[in-house]
Amino acid sequence: MVLCSIMTGKGFADLAILGDFSMAWLGLVMLFFIVVLGKKWLGEEFDLPYNTIGGFVGAFVPYLIVITTSCIPKWSLLAGILGWIVGAFASGYVIGDGGGGDYS
């Protein structure tokens, strides 16, 4: 079993621009913006229970596990998005949104 390192690029087949290694890093950036913009659009505008910390943990932990074990950025991004949905909304229902962000 080959493990891939997102920090060094070891194990990735293509280290070129827009190869597997750079797509793995781009997936992290995409997940960051999904979590942050999800808080604004889904949490505040649609008034859904949204936990930001749960969203970050739910998005990045499955992403890093899948990218390390499979070296496939597409499946890792899918795992990160599914983890974000579970982490942000399930923990928002269970724990709450933390009470932050309401300035009125």
PDB file of N, CA and C in Angstrom:
ATOM      1  N   MET A   1       0.844  -1.175   0.000  1.00  0.00           N
ATOM      2  CA  MET A   1       0.000   0.000   0.000  1.00  0.00           C
ATOM      3  C   MET A   1       0.890   1.239   0.000  1.00  0.00           C
ATOM      4  N   VAL A   2       0.611   2.136  -0.900  1.00  0.00           N
ATOM      5  CA  VAL A   2       1.393   3.360  -1.034  1.00  0.00           C
ATOM      6  C   VAL A   2       0.671   4.482  -0.305  1.00  0.00           C
ATOM      7  N   LEU A   3       1.387   5.174   0.538  1.00  0.00           N
ATOM      8  CA  LEU A   3       0.851   6.342   1.215  1.00  0.00           C
ATOM      9  C   LEU A   3       1.423   7.587   0.563  1.00  0.00           C
ATOM     10  N   CYS A   4       0.583   8.587   0.391  1.00  0.00           N
ATOM     11  CA  CYS A   4       1.020   9.840  -0.228  1.00  0.00           C
ATOM     12  C   CYS A   4       1.149  10.923   0.837  1.00  0.00           C
ATOM     13  N   SER A   5       2.158  11.745   0.693  1.00  0.00           N
ATOM     14  CA  SER A   5       2.372  12.856   1.605  1.00  0.00           C
ATOM     15  C   SER A   5       1.994  14.148   0.903  1.00  0.00           C
ATOM     16  N   ILE A   6       1.027  14.850   1.446  1.00  0.00           N
ATOM     17  CA  ILE A   6       0.604  16.100   0.835  1.00  0.00           C
ATOM     18  C   ILE A   6       1.625  17.214   1.107  1.00  0.00           C
ATOM     19  N   MET A   7       2.500  17.014   2.073  1.00  0.00           N
ATOM     20  CA  MET A   7       3.503  18.036   2.373  1.00  0.00           C
ATOM     21  C   MET A   7       4.728  17.936   1.465  1.00  0.00           C
ATOM     22  N   THR A   8       5.154  16.731   1.155  1.00  0.00           N
ATOM     23  CA  THR A   8       6.371  16.570   0.363  1.00  0.00           C
ATOM     24  C   THR A   8       6.113  16.132  -1.070  1.00  0.00           C
ATOM     25  N   GLY A   9       4.934  15.583  -1.341  1.00  0.00           N
ATOM     26  CA  GLY A   9       4.633  15.086  -2.673  1.00  0.00           C
ATOM     27  C   GLY A   9       5.041  13.641  -2.892  1.00  0.00           C
ATOM     28  N   LYS A  10       5.584  13.006  -1.882  1.00  0.00           N
ATOM     29  CA  LYS A  10       6.018  11.622  -2.014  1.00  0.00           C
ATOM     30  C   LYS A  10       4.801  10.721  -2.213  1.00  0.00           C
ATOM     31  N   GLY A  11       4.865   9.875  -3.226  1.00  0.00           N
ATOM     32  CA  GLY A  11       3.792   8.942  -3.520  1.00  0.00           C
ATOM     33  C   GLY A  11       2.865   9.387  -4.623  1.00  0.00           C
ATOM     34  N   PHE A  12       2.829  10.685  -4.925  1.00  0.00           N
ATOM     35  CA  PHE A  12       1.980  11.169  -6.010  1.00  0.00           C
ATOM     36  C   PHE A  12       2.638  10.866  -7.344  1.00  0.00           C
ATOM     37  N   ALA A  13       1.835  10.467  -8.323  1.00  0.00           N
ATOM     38  CA  ALA A  13       2.366  10.091  -9.629  1.00  0.00           C
ATOM     39  C   ALA A  13       2.802  11.309 -10.434  1.00  0.00           C
ATOM     40  N   ASP A  14       2.065  12.410 -10.322  1.00  0.00           N
ATOM     41  CA  ASP A  14       2.328  13.578 -11.150  1.00  0.00           C
ATOM     42  C   ASP A  14       2.560  14.794 -10.260  1.00  0.00           C
ATOM     43  N   LEU A  15       3.781  15.301 -10.261  1.00  0.00           N
ATOM     44  CA  LEU A  15       4.122  16.476  -9.442  1.00  0.00           C
ATOM     45  C   LEU A  15       4.088  17.766 -10.245  1.00  0.00           C
ATOM     46  N   ALA A  16       3.636  17.733 -11.487  1.00  0.00           N
ATOM     47  CA  ALA A  16       3.613  18.918 -12.342  1.00  0.00           C
ATOM     48  C   ALA A  16       2.451  19.834 -11.944  1.00  0.00           C
ATOM     49  N   ILE A  17       2.454  21.030 -12.559  1.00  0.00           N
ATOM     50  CA  ILE A  17       1.351  21.958 -12.348  1.00  0.00           C
ATOM     51  C   ILE A  17       0.069  21.301 -12.855  1.00  0.00           C
ATOM     52  N   LEU A  18      -0.998  21.394 -12.075  1.00  0.00           N
ATOM     53  CA  LEU A  18      -2.292  20.765 -12.336  1.00  0.00           C
ATOM     54  C   LEU A  18      -2.208  19.244 -12.377  1.00  0.00           C
ATOM     55  N   GLY A  19      -1.191  18.688 -11.741  1.00  0.00           N
ATOM     56  CA  GLY A  19      -1.091  17.244 -11.555  1.00  0.00           C
ATOM     57  C   GLY A  19      -1.785  16.849 -10.268  1.00  0.00           C
ATOM     58  N   ASP A  20      -1.596  15.622  -9.869  1.00  0.00           N
ATOM     59  CA  ASP A  20      -2.261  15.115  -8.664  1.00  0.00           C
ATOM     60  C   ASP A  20      -1.842  15.873  -7.411  1.00  0.00           C
ATOM     61  N   PHE A  21      -0.567  16.224  -7.321  1.00  0.00           N
ATOM     62  CA  PHE A  21      -0.066  16.891  -6.116  1.00  0.00           C
ATOM     63  C   PHE A  21      -0.653  18.299  -5.976  1.00  0.00           C
ATOM     64  N   SER A  22      -0.658  19.073  -7.057  1.00  0.00           N
ATOM     65  CA  SER A  22      -1.208  20.426  -6.967  1.00  0.00           C
ATOM     66  C   SER A  22      -2.728  20.393  -6.834  1.00  0.00           C
ATOM     67  N   MET A  23      -3.383  19.385  -7.393  1.00  0.00           N
ATOM     68  CA  MET A  23      -4.830  19.251  -7.219  1.00  0.00           C
ATOM     69  C   MET A  23      -5.175  18.905  -5.778  1.00  0.00           C
ATOM     70  N   ALA A  24      -4.298  18.181  -5.106  1.00  0.00           N
ATOM     71  CA  ALA A  24      -4.522  17.873  -3.692  1.00  0.00           C
ATOM     72  C   ALA A  24      -4.498  19.155  -2.856  1.00  0.00           C
ATOM     73  N   TRP A  25      -3.560  20.049  -3.153  1.00  0.00           N
ATOM     74  CA  TRP A  25      -3.506  21.324  -2.438  1.00  0.00           C
ATOM     75  C   TRP A  25      -4.671  22.228  -2.818  1.00  0.00           C
ATOM     76  N   LEU A  26      -5.065  22.211  -4.080  1.00  0.00           N
ATOM     77  CA  LEU A  26      -6.201  23.015  -4.518  1.00  0.00           C
ATOM     78  C   LEU A  26      -7.486  22.529  -3.839  1.00  0.00           C
ATOM     79  N   GLY A  27      -7.585  21.236  -3.606  1.00  0.00           N
ATOM     80  CA  GLY A  27      -8.736  20.698  -2.888  1.00  0.00           C
ATOM     81  C   GLY A  27      -8.837  21.236  -1.472  1.00  0.00           C
ATOM     82  N   LEU A  28      -7.704  21.404  -0.810  1.00  0.00           N
ATOM     83  CA  LEU A  28      -7.713  22.000   0.535  1.00  0.00           C
ATOM     84  C   LEU A  28      -8.228  23.436   0.502  1.00  0.00           C
ATOM     85  N   VAL A  29      -7.800  24.191  -0.486  1.00  0.00           N
ATOM     86  CA  VAL A  29      -8.245  25.583  -0.619  1.00  0.00           C
ATOM     87  C   VAL A  29      -9.740  25.631  -0.912  1.00  0.00           C
ATOM     88  N   MET A  30     -10.197  24.745  -1.786  1.00  0.00           N
ATOM     89  CA  MET A  30     -11.623  24.704  -2.099  1.00  0.00           C
ATOM     90  C   MET A  30     -12.454  24.361  -0.874  1.00  0.00           C
ATOM     91  N   LEU A  31     -11.991  23.414  -0.083  1.00  0.00           N
ATOM     92  CA  LEU A  31     -12.720  23.058   1.137  1.00  0.00           C
ATOM     93  C   LEU A  31     -12.759  24.216   2.131  1.00  0.00           C
ATOM     94  N   PHE A  32     -11.677  24.970   2.224  1.00  0.00           N
ATOM     95  CA  PHE A  32     -11.667  26.127   3.114  1.00  0.00           C
ATOM     96  C   PHE A  32     -12.752  27.122   2.715  1.00  0.00           C
ATOM     97  N   PHE A  33     -12.838  27.430   1.424  1.00  0.00           N
ATOM     98  CA  PHE A  33     -13.846  28.389   0.979  1.00  0.00           C
ATOM     99  C   PHE A  33     -15.255  27.827   1.071  1.00  0.00           C
ATOM    100  N   ILE A  34     -15.429  26.524   0.903  1.00  0.00           N
ATOM    101  CA  ILE A  34     -16.751  25.926   1.079  1.00  0.00           C
ATOM    102  C   ILE A  34     -17.213  26.083   2.524  1.00  0.00           C
ATOM    103  N   VAL A  35     -16.318  25.849   3.465  1.00  0.00           N
ATOM    104  CA  VAL A  35     -16.683  25.968   4.881  1.00  0.00           C
ATOM    105  C   VAL A  35     -16.985  27.421   5.239  1.00  0.00           C
ATOM    106  N   VAL A  36     -16.148  28.340   4.803  1.00  0.00           N
ATOM    107  CA  VAL A  36     -16.325  29.747   5.174  1.00  0.00           C
ATOM    108  C   VAL A  36     -17.557  30.348   4.503  1.00  0.00           C
ATOM    109  N   LEU A  37     -17.727  30.107   3.218  1.00  0.00           N
ATOM    110  CA  LEU A  37     -18.887  30.658   2.525  1.00  0.00           C
ATOM    111  C   LEU A  37     -20.165  29.928   2.919  1.00  0.00           C
ATOM    112  N   GLY A  38     -20.051  28.665   3.299  1.00  0.00           N
ATOM    113  CA  GLY A  38     -21.212  27.946   3.801  1.00  0.00           C
ATOM    114  C   GLY A  38     -21.736  28.568   5.082  1.00  0.00           C
ATOM    115  N   LYS A  39     -20.841  29.053   5.922  1.00  0.00           N
ATOM    116  CA  LYS A  39     -21.261  29.731   7.155  1.00  0.00           C
ATOM    117  C   LYS A  39     -22.070  30.976   6.823  1.00  0.00           C
ATOM    118  N   LYS A  40     -21.601  31.743   5.859  1.00  0.00           N
ATOM    119  CA  LYS A  40     -22.285  32.981   5.497  1.00  0.00           C
ATOM    120  C   LYS A  40     -23.612  32.697   4.805  1.00  0.00           C
ATOM    121  N   TRP A  41     -23.588  31.858   3.799  1.00  0.00           N
ATOM    122  CA  TRP A  41     -24.792  31.659   2.986  1.00  0.00           C
ATOM    123  C   TRP A  41     -25.789  30.724   3.627  1.00  0.00           C
ATOM    124  N   LEU A  42     -25.335  29.598   4.142  1.00  0.00           N
ATOM    125  CA  LEU A  42     -26.274  28.620   4.689  1.00  0.00           C
ATOM    126  C   LEU A  42     -26.581  28.881   6.159  1.00  0.00           C
ATOM    127  N   GLY A  43     -25.556  29.244   6.917  1.00  0.00           N
ATOM    128  CA  GLY A  43     -25.754  29.451   8.346  1.00  0.00           C
ATOM    129  C   GLY A  43     -26.474  30.733   8.678  1.00  0.00           C
ATOM    130  N   GLU A  44     -26.110  31.825   8.024  1.00  0.00           N
ATOM    131  CA  GLU A  44     -26.693  33.119   8.362  1.00  0.00           C
ATOM    132  C   GLU A  44     -27.877  33.480   7.475  1.00  0.00           C
ATOM    133  N   GLU A  45     -27.766  33.291   6.182  1.00  0.00           N
ATOM    134  CA  GLU A  45     -28.824  33.714   5.274  1.00  0.00           C
ATOM    135  C   GLU A  45     -30.041  32.793   5.330  1.00  0.00           C
ATOM    136  N   PHE A  46     -29.820  31.480   5.400  1.00  0.00           N
ATOM    137  CA  PHE A  46     -30.932  30.533   5.458  1.00  0.00           C
ATOM    138  C   PHE A  46     -31.270  30.126   6.884  1.00  0.00           C
ATOM    139  N   ASP A  47     -30.536  30.657   7.843  1.00  0.00           N
ATOM    140  CA  ASP A  47     -30.777  30.439   9.263  1.00  0.00           C
ATOM    141  C   ASP A  47     -30.781  28.951   9.630  1.00  0.00           C
ATOM    142  N   LEU A  48     -29.798  28.226   9.109  1.00  0.00           N
ATOM    143  CA  LEU A  48     -29.629  26.821   9.452  1.00  0.00           C
ATOM    144  C   LEU A  48     -28.624  26.703  10.601  1.00  0.00           C
ATOM    145  N   PRO A  49     -28.784  25.712  11.471  1.00  0.00           N
ATOM    146  CA  PRO A  49     -27.783  25.509  12.524  1.00  0.00           C
ATOM    147  C   PRO A  49     -26.468  25.050  11.906  1.00  0.00           C
ATOM    148  N   TYR A  50     -25.454  25.866  12.004  1.00  0.00           N
ATOM    149  CA  TYR A  50     -24.183  25.630  11.322  1.00  0.00           C
ATOM    150  C   TYR A  50     -23.054  25.852  12.308  1.00  0.00           C
ATOM    151  N   ASN A  51     -22.270  24.819  12.555  1.00  0.00           N
ATOM    152  CA  ASN A  51     -21.137  24.919  13.460  1.00  0.00           C
ATOM    153  C   ASN A  51     -19.857  25.009  12.620  1.00  0.00           C
ATOM    154  N   THR A  52     -19.153  26.123  12.695  1.00  0.00           N
ATOM    155  CA  THR A  52     -17.977  26.349  11.864  1.00  0.00           C
ATOM    156  C   THR A  52     -16.835  25.410  12.226  1.00  0.00           C
ATOM    157  N   ILE A  53     -16.585  25.207  13.491  1.00  0.00           N
ATOM    158  CA  ILE A  53     -15.504  24.303  13.901  1.00  0.00           C
ATOM    159  C   ILE A  53     -15.811  22.878  13.465  1.00  0.00           C
ATOM    160  N   GLY A  54     -17.055  22.468  13.630  1.00  0.00           N
ATOM    161  CA  GLY A  54     -17.462  21.155  13.149  1.00  0.00           C
ATOM    162  C   GLY A  54     -17.316  21.035  11.641  1.00  0.00           C
ATOM    163  N   GLY A  55     -17.558  22.135  10.932  1.00  0.00           N
ATOM    164  CA  GLY A  55     -17.378  22.129   9.482  1.00  0.00           C
ATOM    165  C   GLY A  55     -15.925  21.966   9.078  1.00  0.00           C
ATOM    166  N   PHE A  56     -15.031  22.667   9.762  1.00  0.00           N
ATOM    167  CA  PHE A  56     -13.604  22.533   9.455  1.00  0.00           C
ATOM    168  C   PHE A  56     -13.089  21.131   9.775  1.00  0.00           C
ATOM    169  N   VAL A  57     -13.435  20.627  10.937  1.00  0.00           N
ATOM    170  CA  VAL A  57     -12.982  19.283  11.317  1.00  0.00           C
ATOM    171  C   VAL A  57     -13.599  18.239  10.393  1.00  0.00           C
ATOM    172  N   GLY A  58     -14.885  18.381  10.124  1.00  0.00           N
ATOM    173  CA  GLY A  58     -15.563  17.427   9.267  1.00  0.00           C
ATOM    174  C   GLY A  58     -15.082  17.459   7.832  1.00  0.00           C
ATOM    175  N   ALA A  59     -14.577  18.576   7.377  1.00  0.00           N
ATOM    176  CA  ALA A  59     -14.089  18.669   6.002  1.00  0.00           C
ATOM    177  C   ALA A  59     -12.646  18.211   5.872  1.00  0.00           C
ATOM    178  N   PHE A  60     -11.781  18.651   6.763  1.00  0.00           N
ATOM    179  CA  PHE A  60     -10.356  18.414   6.575  1.00  0.00           C
ATOM    180  C   PHE A  60      -9.876  17.044   7.037  1.00  0.00           C
ATOM    181  N   VAL A  61     -10.451  16.495   8.091  1.00  0.00           N
ATOM    182  CA  VAL A  61      -9.992  15.190   8.575  1.00  0.00           C
ATOM    183  C   VAL A  61     -10.272  14.078   7.558  1.00  0.00           C
ATOM    184  N   PRO A  62     -11.504  13.957   7.029  1.00  0.00           N
ATOM    185  CA  PRO A  62     -11.704  12.913   6.007  1.00  0.00           C
ATOM    186  C   PRO A  62     -10.902  13.169   4.735  1.00  0.00           C
ATOM    187  N   TYR A  63     -10.744  14.444   4.370  1.00  0.00           N
ATOM    188  CA  TYR A  63      -9.970  14.770   3.174  1.00  0.00           C
ATOM    189  C   TYR A  63      -8.528  14.301   3.320  1.00  0.00           C
ATOM    190  N   LEU A  64      -7.920  14.610   4.443  1.00  0.00           N
ATOM    191  CA  LEU A  64      -6.525  14.230   4.647  1.00  0.00           C
ATOM    192  C   LEU A  64      -6.346  12.724   4.772  1.00  0.00           C
ATOM    193  N   ILE A  65      -7.306  12.045   5.358  1.00  0.00           N
ATOM    194  CA  ILE A  65      -7.210  10.587   5.453  1.00  0.00           C
ATOM    195  C   ILE A  65      -7.305   9.951   4.073  1.00  0.00           C
ATOM    196  N   VAL A  66      -8.264  10.398   3.266  1.00  0.00           N
ATOM    197  CA  VAL A  66      -8.455   9.796   1.943  1.00  0.00           C
ATOM    198  C   VAL A  66      -7.308  10.157   1.013  1.00  0.00           C
ATOM    199  N   ILE A  67      -6.814  11.383   1.046  1.00  0.00           N
ATOM    200  CA  ILE A  67      -5.711  11.754   0.142  1.00  0.00           C
ATOM    201  C   ILE A  67      -4.431  11.035   0.539  1.00  0.00           C
ATOM    202  N   THR A  68      -4.255  10.767   1.807  1.00  0.00           N
ATOM    203  CA  THR A  68      -3.060  10.047   2.243  1.00  0.00           C
ATOM    204  C   THR A  68      -3.108   8.576   1.848  1.00  0.00           C
ATOM    205  N   THR A  69      -4.261   7.974   1.928  1.00  0.00           N
ATOM    206  CA  THR A  69      -4.352   6.542   1.652  1.00  0.00           C
ATOM    207  C   THR A  69      -4.599   6.218   0.186  1.00  0.00           C
ATOM    208  N   SER A  70      -5.291   7.099  -0.559  1.00  0.00           N
ATOM    209  CA  SER A  70      -5.637   6.753  -1.945  1.00  0.00           C
ATOM    210  C   SER A  70      -4.851   7.528  -2.990  1.00  0.00           C
ATOM    211  N   CYS A  71      -4.350   8.696  -2.669  1.00  0.00           N
ATOM    212  CA  CYS A  71      -3.615   9.571  -3.597  1.00  0.00           C
ATOM    213  C   CYS A  71      -4.485  10.060  -4.747  1.00  0.00           C
ATOM    214  N   ILE A  72      -5.807  10.061  -4.589  1.00  0.00           N
ATOM    215  CA  ILE A  72      -6.725  10.502  -5.634  1.00  0.00           C
ATOM    216  C   ILE A  72      -7.452  11.753  -5.149  1.00  0.00           C
ATOM    217  N   PRO A  73      -7.151  12.909  -5.753  1.00  0.00           N
ATOM    218  CA  PRO A  73      -7.764  14.160  -5.281  1.00  0.00           C
ATOM    219  C   PRO A  73      -9.276  14.231  -5.446  1.00  0.00           C
ATOM    220  N   LYS A  74      -9.844  13.603  -6.470  1.00  0.00           N
ATOM    221  CA  LYS A  74     -11.287  13.684  -6.688  1.00  0.00           C
ATOM    222  C   LYS A  74     -12.064  12.994  -5.570  1.00  0.00           C
ATOM    223  N   TRP A  75     -11.648  11.791  -5.202  1.00  0.00           N
ATOM    224  CA  TRP A  75     -12.324  11.078  -4.130  1.00  0.00           C
ATOM    225  C   TRP A  75     -12.097  11.761  -2.790  1.00  0.00           C
ATOM    226  N   SER A  76     -10.946  12.382  -2.647  1.00  0.00           N
ATOM    227  CA  SER A  76     -10.654  13.091  -1.398  1.00  0.00           C
ATOM    228  C   SER A  76     -11.546  14.312  -1.248  1.00  0.00           C
ATOM    229  N   LEU A  77     -11.759  15.028  -2.347  1.00  0.00           N
ATOM    230  CA  LEU A  77     -12.638  16.197  -2.297  1.00  0.00           C
ATOM    231  C   LEU A  77     -14.069  15.773  -1.993  1.00  0.00           C
ATOM    232  N   LEU A  78     -14.506  14.673  -2.566  1.00  0.00           N
ATOM    233  CA  LEU A  78     -15.844  14.162  -2.271  1.00  0.00           C
ATOM    234  C   LEU A  78     -15.966  13.785  -0.795  1.00  0.00           C
ATOM    235  N   ALA A  79     -14.962  13.132  -0.252  1.00  0.00           N
ATOM    236  CA  ALA A  79     -14.978  12.779   1.170  1.00  0.00           C
ATOM    237  C   ALA A  79     -14.972  14.032   2.038  1.00  0.00           C
ATOM    238  N   GLY A  80     -14.233  15.065   1.632  1.00  0.00           N
ATOM    239  CA  GLY A  80     -14.204  16.311   2.389  1.00  0.00           C
ATOM    240  C   GLY A  80     -15.542  17.026   2.379  1.00  0.00           C
ATOM    241  N   ILE A  81     -16.220  17.033   1.229  1.00  0.00           N
ATOM    242  CA  ILE A  81     -17.524  17.695   1.152  1.00  0.00           C
ATOM    243  C   ILE A  81     -18.556  16.936   1.970  1.00  0.00           C
ATOM    244  N   LEU A  82     -18.545  15.619   1.889  1.00  0.00           N
ATOM    245  CA  LEU A  82     -19.473  14.835   2.708  1.00  0.00           C
ATOM    246  C   LEU A  82     -19.176  15.013   4.198  1.00  0.00           C
ATOM    247  N   GLY A  83     -17.901  15.060   4.555  1.00  0.00           N
ATOM    248  CA  GLY A  83     -17.534  15.309   5.947  1.00  0.00           C
ATOM    249  C   GLY A  83     -17.937  16.685   6.415  1.00  0.00           C
ATOM    250  N   TRP A  84     -17.850  17.670   5.518  1.00  0.00           N
ATOM    251  CA  TRP A  84     -18.279  19.029   5.847  1.00  0.00           C
ATOM    252  C   TRP A  84     -19.765  19.071   6.139  1.00  0.00           C
ATOM    253  N   ILE A  85     -20.555  18.388   5.317  1.00  0.00           N
ATOM    254  CA  ILE A  85     -22.002  18.376   5.533  1.00  0.00           C
ATOM    255  C   ILE A  85     -22.336  17.761   6.886  1.00  0.00           C
ATOM    256  N   VAL A  86     -21.719  16.637   7.169  1.00  0.00           N
ATOM    257  CA  VAL A  86     -21.977  15.978   8.448  1.00  0.00           C
ATOM    258  C   VAL A  86     -21.443  16.811   9.604  1.00  0.00           C
ATOM    259  N   GLY A  87     -20.221  17.317   9.474  1.00  0.00           N
ATOM    260  CA  GLY A  87     -19.610  18.060  10.570  1.00  0.00           C
ATOM    261  C   GLY A  87     -20.290  19.374  10.874  1.00  0.00           C
ATOM    262  N   ALA A  88     -20.620  20.132   9.839  1.00  0.00           N
ATOM    263  CA  ALA A  88     -21.185  21.461  10.056  1.00  0.00           C
ATOM    264  C   ALA A  88     -22.633  21.405  10.509  1.00  0.00           C
ATOM    265  N   PHE A  89     -23.417  20.583   9.864  1.00  0.00           N
ATOM    266  CA  PHE A  89     -24.842  20.601  10.159  1.00  0.00           C
ATOM    267  C   PHE A  89     -25.226  19.664  11.294  1.00  0.00           C
ATOM    268  N   ALA A  90     -24.633  18.472  11.355  1.00  0.00           N
ATOM    269  CA  ALA A  90     -24.959  17.562  12.447  1.00  0.00           C
ATOM    270  C   ALA A  90     -24.493  18.128  13.784  1.00  0.00           C
ATOM    271  N   SER A  91     -23.272  18.664  13.813  1.00  0.00           N
ATOM    272  CA  SER A  91     -22.822  19.267  15.063  1.00  0.00           C
ATOM    273  C   SER A  91     -23.549  20.577  15.336  1.00  0.00           C
ATOM    274  N   GLY A  92     -24.063  21.231  14.302  1.00  0.00           N
ATOM    275  CA  GLY A  92     -24.875  22.420  14.518  1.00  0.00           C
ATOM    276  C   GLY A  92     -26.190  22.099  15.196  1.00  0.00           C
ATOM    277  N   TYR A  93     -26.771  20.956  14.830  1.00  0.00           N
ATOM    278  CA  TYR A  93     -28.003  20.525  15.488  1.00  0.00           C
ATOM    279  C   TYR A  93     -27.740  20.024  16.904  1.00  0.00           C
ATOM    280  N   VAL A  94     -26.651  19.297  17.100  1.00  0.00           N
ATOM    281  CA  VAL A  94     -26.376  18.682  18.394  1.00  0.00           C
ATOM    282  C   VAL A  94     -25.769  19.690  19.378  1.00  0.00           C
ATOM    283  N   ILE A  95     -24.688  20.352  18.941  1.00  0.00           N
ATOM    284  CA  ILE A  95     -23.958  21.266  19.835  1.00  0.00           C
ATOM    285  C   ILE A  95     -24.525  22.672  19.766  1.00  0.00           C
ATOM    286  N   GLY A  96     -24.893  23.103  18.586  1.00  0.00           N
ATOM    287  CA  GLY A  96     -25.357  24.472  18.386  1.00  0.00           C
ATOM    288  C   GLY A  96     -24.335  25.226  17.570  1.00  0.00           C
ATOM    289  N   ASP A  97     -24.654  26.449  17.237  1.00  0.00           N
ATOM    290  CA  ASP A  97     -23.749  27.227  16.395  1.00  0.00           C
ATOM    291  C   ASP A  97     -22.768  28.062  17.200  1.00  0.00           C
ATOM    292  N   GLY A  98     -22.773  27.969  18.479  1.00  0.00           N
ATOM    293  CA  GLY A  98     -21.823  28.693  19.312  1.00  0.00           C
ATOM    294  C   GLY A  98     -22.307  30.062  19.722  1.00  0.00           C
ATOM    295  N   GLY A  99     -23.415  30.520  19.178  1.00  0.00           N
ATOM    296  CA  GLY A  99     -23.962  31.814  19.554  1.00  0.00           C
ATOM    297  C   GLY A  99     -23.229  32.991  18.970  1.00  0.00           C
ATOM    298  N   GLY A 100     -22.240  32.774  18.134  1.00  0.00           N
ATOM    299  CA  GLY A 100     -21.496  33.886  17.551  1.00  0.00           C
ATOM    300  C   GLY A 100     -22.106  34.350  16.251  1.00  0.00           C
ATOM    301  N   GLY A 101     -21.737  35.550  15.861  1.00  0.00           N
ATOM    302  CA  GLY A 101     -22.136  36.062  14.574  1.00  0.00           C
ATOM    303  C   GLY A 101     -23.418  36.867  14.578  1.00  0.00           C
ATOM    304  N   ASP A 102     -24.110  36.973  15.687  1.00  0.00           N
ATOM    305  CA  ASP A 102     -25.349  37.726  15.749  1.00  0.00           C
ATOM    306  C   ASP A 102     -25.066  39.066  16.421  1.00  0.00           C
ATOM    307  N   TYR A 103     -25.058  40.136  15.629  1.00  0.00           N
ATOM    308  CA  TYR A 103     -24.695  41.454  16.148  1.00  0.00           C
ATOM    309  C   TYR A 103     -25.897  42.343  16.388  1.00  0.00           C
ATOM    310  N   SER A 104     -27.103  41.828  16.208  1.00  0.00           N
ATOM    311  CA  SER A 104     -28.269  42.701  16.361  1.00  0.00           C
ATOM    312  C   SER A 104     -28.736  42.783  17.785  1.00  0.00           C
TER     313      SER A 104
END
